[in-house]
Amino acid sequence: MNIQLIQIAPLPSYLAPSIERPPNTDEYNYQAIVIEEHGAHYYWAKGVSLEISKEVYEFARANPKLFSESTSHKLHEQLETIKRLDKGRI
């Protein structure tokens, strides 16, 4: 089993200033865990676990910055969607 803690944060504004990014708030600054176990890959953050591909696992590890169309941003959006849907359950 391989576990890695990563810090998720918006791309700093001085890097590629023309790229769209979320605001630098607590909602977008958090820790996530990427896990590889027996050939399966997972992403865990904000109380939600996602099974992900090896490619997404590698991208998330290599670049945990949030900006438009980044892997980390897409994972963030998936987490938020799952959390929103979970709140609607009875």
Protein backbone atom coordinates (compact mmCIF):
# COMPACT_ATOMS: atom_id res chain seq x y z
CA MET A 1 0.00 0.00 0.00
CA ASN A 2 1.28 3.45 -0.90
CA ILE A 3 -0.29 6.49 0.81
CA GLN A 4 0.65 10.09 0.15
CA LEU A 5 -0.68 13.23 1.79
CA ILE A 6 -0.97 16.18 -0.62
CA GLN A 7 -1.81 19.83 0.00
CA ILE A 8 -4.53 21.11 -2.33
CA ALA A 9 -4.45 24.85 -2.99
CA PRO A 10 -5.21 27.32 -5.77
CA LEU A 11 -2.42 28.03 -8.23
CA PRO A 12 -0.62 31.17 -6.99
CA SER A 13 -1.66 34.27 -8.92
CA TYR A 14 1.93 35.10 -9.94
CA LEU A 15 2.14 31.81 -11.88
CA ALA A 16 0.38 31.99 -15.24
CA PRO A 17 -1.79 35.00 -14.30
CA SER A 18 -4.12 34.52 -17.27
CA ILE A 19 -5.26 31.06 -16.08
CA GLU A 20 -8.57 30.99 -14.24
CA ARG A 21 -8.35 29.72 -10.64
CA PRO A 22 -10.61 29.54 -7.58
CA PRO A 23 -10.24 32.04 -4.73
CA ASN A 24 -7.62 31.39 -2.06
CA THR A 25 -10.09 30.46 0.71
CA ASP A 26 -10.41 27.58 3.17
CA GLU A 27 -12.83 25.83 0.82
CA TYR A 28 -10.02 25.47 -1.71
CA ASN A 29 -7.11 24.88 0.70
CA TYR A 30 -7.17 21.41 2.23
CA GLN A 31 -5.31 18.16 2.54
CA ALA A 32 -6.09 15.12 0.44
CA ILE A 33 -4.75 11.59 0.43
CA VAL A 34 -3.91 9.55 -2.66
CA ILE A 35 -3.73 5.80 -2.13
CA GLU A 36 -2.48 2.93 -4.25
CA GLU A 37 -3.37 -0.56 -3.05
CA HIS A 38 -3.12 -3.79 -5.02
CA GLY A 39 -3.28 -1.95 -8.35
CA ALA A 40 -6.32 0.17 -7.36
CA HIS A 41 -6.07 3.93 -6.86
CA TYR A 42 -8.10 6.19 -4.58
CA TYR A 43 -8.42 9.88 -3.74
CA TRP A 44 -9.75 10.91 -0.35
CA ALA A 45 -10.58 14.43 0.83
CA LYS A 46 -13.31 16.24 2.75
CA GLY A 47 -14.75 12.93 3.99
CA VAL A 48 -15.27 11.54 0.48
CA SER A 49 -13.38 8.72 -1.20
CA LEU A 50 -13.15 8.30 -4.97
CA GLU A 51 -11.76 5.39 -6.93
CA ILE A 52 -9.56 6.91 -9.64
CA SER A 53 -7.44 5.71 -12.54
CA LYS A 54 -3.68 5.33 -12.29
CA GLU A 55 -3.29 8.30 -14.64
CA VAL A 56 -5.44 10.57 -12.42
CA TYR A 57 -3.52 9.28 -9.37
CA GLU A 58 -0.21 10.29 -10.96
CA PHE A 59 -1.51 13.71 -12.07
CA ALA A 60 -2.95 14.46 -8.61
CA ARG A 61 0.37 13.58 -6.98
CA ALA A 62 2.41 15.59 -9.47
CA ASN A 63 0.32 18.79 -9.42
CA PRO A 64 -2.05 19.40 -6.50
CA LYS A 65 -2.76 23.01 -7.57
CA LEU A 66 -6.29 24.08 -8.39
CA PHE A 67 -6.80 25.93 -11.66
CA SER A 68 -9.17 25.68 -14.60
CA GLU A 69 -9.15 22.16 -16.11
CA SER A 70 -6.46 20.80 -13.75
CA THR A 71 -6.83 17.25 -12.45
CA SER A 72 -7.02 18.56 -8.89
CA HIS A 73 -9.80 20.97 -9.86
CA LYS A 74 -11.79 18.19 -11.56
CA LEU A 75 -11.41 16.00 -8.45
CA HIS A 76 -12.48 18.93 -6.27
CA GLU A 77 -15.63 19.38 -8.36
CA GLN A 78 -16.42 15.65 -8.10
CA LEU A 79 -16.03 15.81 -4.30
CA GLU A 80 -18.32 18.83 -4.07
CA THR A 81 -20.96 17.15 -6.27
CA ILE A 82 -20.92 14.01 -4.11
CA LYS A 83 -21.18 16.06 -0.92
CA ARG A 84 -24.11 18.05 -2.38
CA LEU A 85 -25.92 14.89 -3.45
CA ASP A 86 -25.26 13.21 -0.10
CA LYS A 87 -26.90 16.13 1.75
CA GLY A 88 -30.09 15.48 -0.21
CA ARG A 89 -30.41 11.89 0.98
CA ILE A 90 -32.98 11.02 3.62
